[in-house]
Protein backbone atom coordinates (compact mmCIF):
# COMPACT_ATOMS: atom_id res chain seq x y z
CA MET A 1 -40.39 -59.13 96.08
CA LYS A 2 -37.20 -60.16 94.29
CA ARG A 3 -37.69 -63.76 95.35
CA PHE A 4 -41.27 -63.68 94.04
CA VAL A 5 -40.10 -62.27 90.69
CA ALA A 6 -37.37 -64.94 90.51
CA TRP A 7 -39.95 -67.62 91.27
CA ILE A 8 -42.28 -66.31 88.53
CA ARG A 9 -39.35 -66.23 86.08
CA ALA A 10 -38.40 -69.81 86.97
CA LEU A 11 -41.99 -70.97 86.41
CA PHE A 12 -42.13 -69.15 83.08
CA ASN A 13 -38.82 -70.66 81.95
CA ARG A 14 -39.99 -74.12 82.95
CA PHE A 15 -43.24 -73.59 81.07
CA MET A 16 -41.37 -72.38 77.98
CA ASP A 17 -39.00 -75.34 78.14
CA LYS A 18 -41.97 -77.65 78.25
CA VAL A 19 -43.76 -75.82 75.44
CA GLU A 20 -40.61 -75.76 73.30
CA ASP A 21 -40.01 -79.43 73.88
CA PRO A 22 -39.36 -81.03 70.45
CA GLU A 23 -41.86 -83.82 71.09
CA VAL A 24 -44.57 -81.32 72.00
CA MET A 25 -43.73 -79.19 68.97
CA LEU A 26 -43.81 -82.19 66.64
CA ASP A 27 -47.12 -83.43 68.06
CA GLN A 28 -48.65 -79.99 67.66
CA ALA A 29 -47.37 -79.70 64.09
CA LYS A 30 -48.83 -83.12 63.31
CA ARG A 31 -52.21 -82.11 64.72
CA ASP A 32 -52.15 -78.87 62.72
CA MET A 33 -51.33 -80.74 59.50
CA THR A 34 -54.07 -83.27 60.13
CA GLN A 35 -56.63 -80.58 60.86
CA ALA A 36 -55.64 -78.64 57.73
CA LEU A 37 -55.92 -81.81 55.63
CA THR A 38 -59.32 -82.57 57.11
CA ALA A 39 -60.54 -79.03 56.38
CA ASN A 40 -59.26 -79.17 52.81
CA ARG A 41 -60.93 -82.52 52.27
CA GLU A 42 -64.21 -81.05 53.45
CA LYS A 43 -63.81 -78.13 51.06
CA ALA A 44 -62.99 -80.54 48.26
CA VAL A 45 -66.14 -82.51 49.03
CA GLN A 46 -68.19 -79.33 48.82
CA ALA A 47 -66.55 -78.39 45.50
CA ILE A 48 -67.25 -81.84 44.08
CA ALA A 49 -70.83 -81.60 45.29
CA GLN A 50 -71.26 -78.25 43.50
CA LYS A 51 -69.71 -79.70 40.35
CA ASN A 52 -72.11 -82.62 40.51
CA ARG A 53 -75.01 -80.22 40.98
CA LEU A 54 -73.96 -78.28 37.88
CA GLN A 55 -73.71 -81.54 35.98
CA GLN A 56 -77.20 -82.49 37.12
CA MET A 57 -78.56 -79.08 36.10
CA LEU A 58 -77.02 -79.42 32.64
CA ASP A 59 -78.38 -82.94 32.23
CA ASP A 60 -81.83 -81.84 33.31
CA GLN A 61 -81.77 -78.88 30.93
CA MET A 62 -80.62 -81.07 28.05
CA LYS A 63 -83.43 -83.51 28.79
CA LYS A 64 -85.92 -80.63 28.94
CA VAL A 65 -84.69 -79.38 25.57
CA ALA A 66 -85.11 -82.82 24.05
CA GLN A 67 -88.56 -83.14 25.58
CA LEU A 68 -89.70 -79.74 24.24
CA GLU A 69 -88.48 -80.68 20.79
CA LYS A 70 -90.50 -83.89 20.88
CA GLN A 71 -93.54 -82.00 22.14
CA ALA A 72 -93.18 -79.53 19.26
CA GLU A 73 -93.06 -82.42 16.78
CA MET A 74 -96.18 -83.95 18.31
CA ALA A 75 -97.99 -80.57 18.14
CA LEU A 76 -97.09 -80.17 14.47
CA LYS A 77 -98.32 -83.66 13.71
CA ALA A 78 -101.56 -82.80 15.45
CA GLY A 79 -101.88 -79.65 13.31
CA ASN A 80 -101.46 -77.30 16.24
CA ARG A 81 -98.74 -75.00 14.95
CA ASP A 82 -99.20 -72.37 17.65
CA LEU A 83 -98.54 -74.93 20.40
CA ALA A 84 -95.52 -76.24 18.52
CA ARG A 85 -94.21 -72.65 18.24
CA GLN A 86 -94.59 -72.21 22.02
CA PHE A 87 -92.58 -75.40 22.70
CA MET A 88 -89.85 -74.27 20.34
CA ARG A 89 -89.65 -70.87 22.00
CA GLU A 90 -89.15 -72.54 25.39
CA LYS A 91 -86.57 -74.82 23.81
CA ALA A 92 -84.72 -71.83 22.36
CA THR A 93 -84.65 -70.18 25.79
CA LEU A 94 -83.15 -73.29 27.33
CA ASP A 95 -80.69 -73.69 24.46
CA ALA A 96 -79.44 -70.17 25.08
CA GLY A 97 -78.54 -71.01 28.69
CA ILE A 98 -76.84 -74.31 27.92
CA PRO A 99 -73.45 -72.90 26.70
CA GLY A 100 -73.01 -70.82 29.84
CA LEU A 101 -73.91 -73.76 32.00
CA GLN A 102 -71.47 -75.95 30.10
CA THR A 103 -68.70 -73.37 30.57
CA THR A 104 -69.39 -73.15 34.29
CA LEU A 105 -69.42 -76.93 34.58
CA ALA A 106 -66.10 -77.22 32.73
CA GLN A 107 -64.50 -74.72 35.09
CA ALA A 108 -65.92 -76.56 38.08
CA GLN A 109 -64.58 -79.85 36.77
CA GLU A 110 -61.11 -78.36 36.25
CA THR A 111 -61.16 -76.85 39.73
CA VAL A 112 -62.25 -80.15 41.25
CA GLU A 113 -59.44 -82.00 39.47
CA GLN A 114 -56.92 -79.47 40.74
CA VAL A 115 -58.32 -79.81 44.26
CA LYS A 116 -58.01 -83.59 44.03
CA VAL A 117 -54.36 -83.30 42.99
CA ALA A 118 -53.71 -80.81 45.80
CA ILE A 119 -55.38 -83.09 48.35
CA LYS A 120 -53.33 -86.04 47.14
CA ARG A 121 -50.12 -84.02 47.42
CA GLN A 122 -51.11 -82.81 50.87
CA GLU A 123 -51.80 -86.36 52.00
CA GLU A 124 -48.36 -87.41 50.75
CA GLU A 125 -46.79 -84.45 52.54
CA VAL A 126 -48.57 -85.33 55.78
CA ARG A 127 -47.36 -88.91 55.46
CA LYS A 128 -43.75 -87.75 54.92
CA LYS A 129 -43.96 -85.28 57.77
CA THR A 130 -45.37 -87.97 60.05
CA GLU A 131 -42.46 -90.26 59.24
CA GLU A 132 -40.03 -87.37 59.74
CA ALA A 133 -41.67 -86.59 63.08
CA LEU A 134 -41.09 -90.17 64.20
CA ARG A 135 -37.43 -89.96 63.16
CA LEU A 136 -36.98 -86.63 64.89
CA LYS A 137 -38.58 -87.99 68.05
CA ALA A 138 -36.19 -90.94 67.98
CA GLN A 139 -33.25 -88.57 67.49
CA TRP A 140 -34.50 -86.40 70.35
CA LYS A 141 -34.70 -89.45 72.61
CA GLN A 142 -31.16 -90.44 71.61
CA ALA A 143 -29.93 -86.91 72.26
CA GLN A 144 -31.58 -86.93 75.71
CA ILE A 145 -29.97 -90.28 76.53
CA GLN A 146 -26.55 -89.08 75.36
CA ASP A 147 -26.97 -85.90 77.40
CA SER A 148 -27.93 -87.94 80.47
CA ILE A 149 -24.89 -90.18 79.97
CA GLY A 150 -22.66 -87.14 79.60
CA LYS A 151 -24.03 -85.59 82.78
CA ALA A 152 -23.60 -88.89 84.63
CA LEU A 153 -19.97 -89.17 83.50
CA GLN A 154 -19.04 -85.59 84.38
CA GLY A 155 -18.02 -86.57 87.91
CA LEU A 156 -16.02 -89.61 86.87
CA THR A 157 -12.22 -89.59 86.69
CA PHE A 158 -10.02 -92.39 85.47
CA GLU A 159 -6.69 -90.82 86.44
CA ASP A 160 -4.58 -92.63 89.05
CA GLN A 161 -4.98 -89.82 91.56
CA TYR A 162 -4.29 -92.10 94.54
CA GLU A 163 -0.93 -93.39 93.32
CA GLY A 164 0.89 -90.63 95.23
CA SER A 165 -0.55 -91.77 98.55
CA PHE A 166 0.25 -95.41 97.85
CA ALA A 167 3.80 -94.56 96.73
CA ALA A 168 4.43 -92.48 99.86
CA ALA A 169 3.09 -95.28 102.07
CA ARG A 170 5.27 -97.86 100.30
CA ASP A 171 8.37 -95.68 100.68
CA LYS A 172 7.70 -95.10 104.36
CA ILE A 173 7.18 -98.82 105.03
CA ALA A 174 10.33 -99.71 103.08
CA ASN A 175 12.39 -97.15 105.00
CA LYS A 176 11.06 -98.40 108.31
CA THR A 177 11.81 -102.01 107.38
CA ALA A 178 15.35 -101.14 106.27
CA GLU A 179 15.95 -99.19 109.47
CA ALA A 180 14.74 -102.08 111.64
CA SER A 181 16.90 -104.53 109.67
CA ALA A 182 19.93 -102.27 110.12
CA ARG A 183 19.32 -102.01 113.86
CA ASN A 184 19.02 -105.79 114.17
CA GLU A 185 22.19 -106.25 112.14
CA MET A 186 24.11 -103.76 114.28
CA PHE A 187 22.83 -105.38 117.48
CA GLY A 188 23.86 -108.85 116.27
CA THR A 189 27.47 -107.74 115.59
CA SER A 190 27.88 -105.69 118.77
CA VAL A 191 29.58 -107.00 121.94
CA GLN A 192 26.31 -106.77 123.83
CA GLY A 193 24.63 -108.84 121.17
CA GLN A 194 27.33 -111.51 121.34
CA ILE A 195 27.10 -111.58 125.14
CA MET A 196 23.36 -112.08 124.91
CA GLN A 197 23.88 -114.93 122.42
CA MET A 198 26.38 -116.56 124.84
CA GLU A 199 23.92 -116.14 127.70
CA ASP A 200 21.19 -117.74 125.59
CA LYS A 201 23.45 -120.71 124.85
CA ALA A 202 24.41 -121.07 128.53
CA MET A 203 20.77 -121.00 129.53
CA ASP A 204 20.02 -123.67 126.93
CA MET A 205 22.82 -125.87 128.26
CA THR A 206 21.65 -125.40 131.86
CA ALA A 207 18.12 -126.31 130.87
CA ASP A 208 19.40 -129.41 129.02
CA GLU A 209 21.38 -130.47 132.10
CA GLU A 210 18.36 -130.10 134.35
CA LEU A 211 16.28 -132.15 131.93
CA ARG A 212 18.95 -134.88 131.86
CA LYS A 213 19.00 -135.06 135.66
CA MET A 214 15.20 -135.23 135.71
CA GLU A 215 15.27 -138.09 133.22
CA GLU A 216 17.79 -139.97 135.42
CA ARG A 217 15.55 -139.56 138.45
CA LEU A 218 12.57 -140.76 136.53
CA GLY A 219 14.48 -143.64 134.96
CA LEU A 220 13.90 -142.33 131.46
CA SER A 221 17.56 -141.88 130.53
CA GLN A 222 18.97 -144.62 128.21
CA THR A 223 22.52 -143.23 127.90
CA PRO A 224 25.26 -143.05 130.55
CA THR A 225 25.87 -139.77 132.22
CA GLN A 226 28.24 -137.62 130.26
CA GLN A 227 30.37 -134.87 131.57
CA VAL A 228 28.96 -131.56 130.43
CA GLN A 229 31.66 -129.54 128.84
CA PRO A 230 31.68 -125.90 129.71
CA ALA A 231 30.63 -123.71 126.85
CA THR A 232 33.28 -121.79 125.08
CA SER A 233 32.62 -118.52 123.45
CA ASP A 234 33.06 -117.86 119.76
CA ILE A 235 35.82 -115.44 120.56
CA ASP A 236 37.82 -118.15 122.40
CA THR A 237 37.37 -120.49 119.44
CA GLN A 238 38.61 -117.84 117.05
CA LEU A 239 41.59 -117.12 119.32
CA ASP A 240 42.49 -120.85 119.43
CA GLU A 241 42.41 -121.09 115.66
CA LEU A 242 44.51 -117.97 115.30
CA GLU A 243 47.03 -119.35 117.77
CA LYS A 244 47.28 -122.64 115.84
CA ARG A 245 47.96 -120.79 112.59
CA ILE A 246 50.65 -118.72 114.27
CA ASN A 247 52.34 -121.83 115.74
CA GLN A 248 52.25 -123.58 112.39
CA GLY A 249 53.85 -120.58 110.76
CA GLN A 250 56.75 -120.53 113.28
CA GLN A 251 57.67 -124.23 112.82
CA PRO A 252 60.75 -124.86 110.59
CA GLY A 253 60.06 -126.15 107.14
């Protein structure tokens, strides 16, 4: 039951969001303004029609008055005074109604002029509101785009959050490289390292001697056979130099 109520509430909220959408509201307001203007125009047309009818009634009555007066003149000329009196009585009746009709017509004309001004102002207001609706719609679109951009950028980060990992990796690699270099340096200066260097040199000399003999057998050697001098170690060389310096120091000046 709770899930059903939550679903109904979600549908209602979605419906209200759609109904309260600015574009929908502006379109509805525009339709309402247009319908009101159309209705007022129709009422104005009816008012103008009634004013024109009053004008026609007054014109007809004025013509009837003029016609009765002419008929009375003709009756008098013909010597028929009674008939002339009858025409004048009808004319007097019509003359009595003319002022009221003129007053009503004047009021109708004033009302019609006011309605025309009101219609013109309403048309101008509708035009302004239509332009404003277009501007508001454009602003609403811009606001939606800006909101979409903001939502899209919420998950972005421009901080160098990976620098720590890179720095740690660089430090570890540098330490490992320094440690390996130190080990190699220590091995090169140790007695075992020197012995291995001497062994490498002896193996090189043995290999060279074997190659020389092979060249002699193959007839590829161009130089006479030379006596291979035994290799001396660096330590022996250093000892010989030290001994020479000591002997030179003991000789008399």
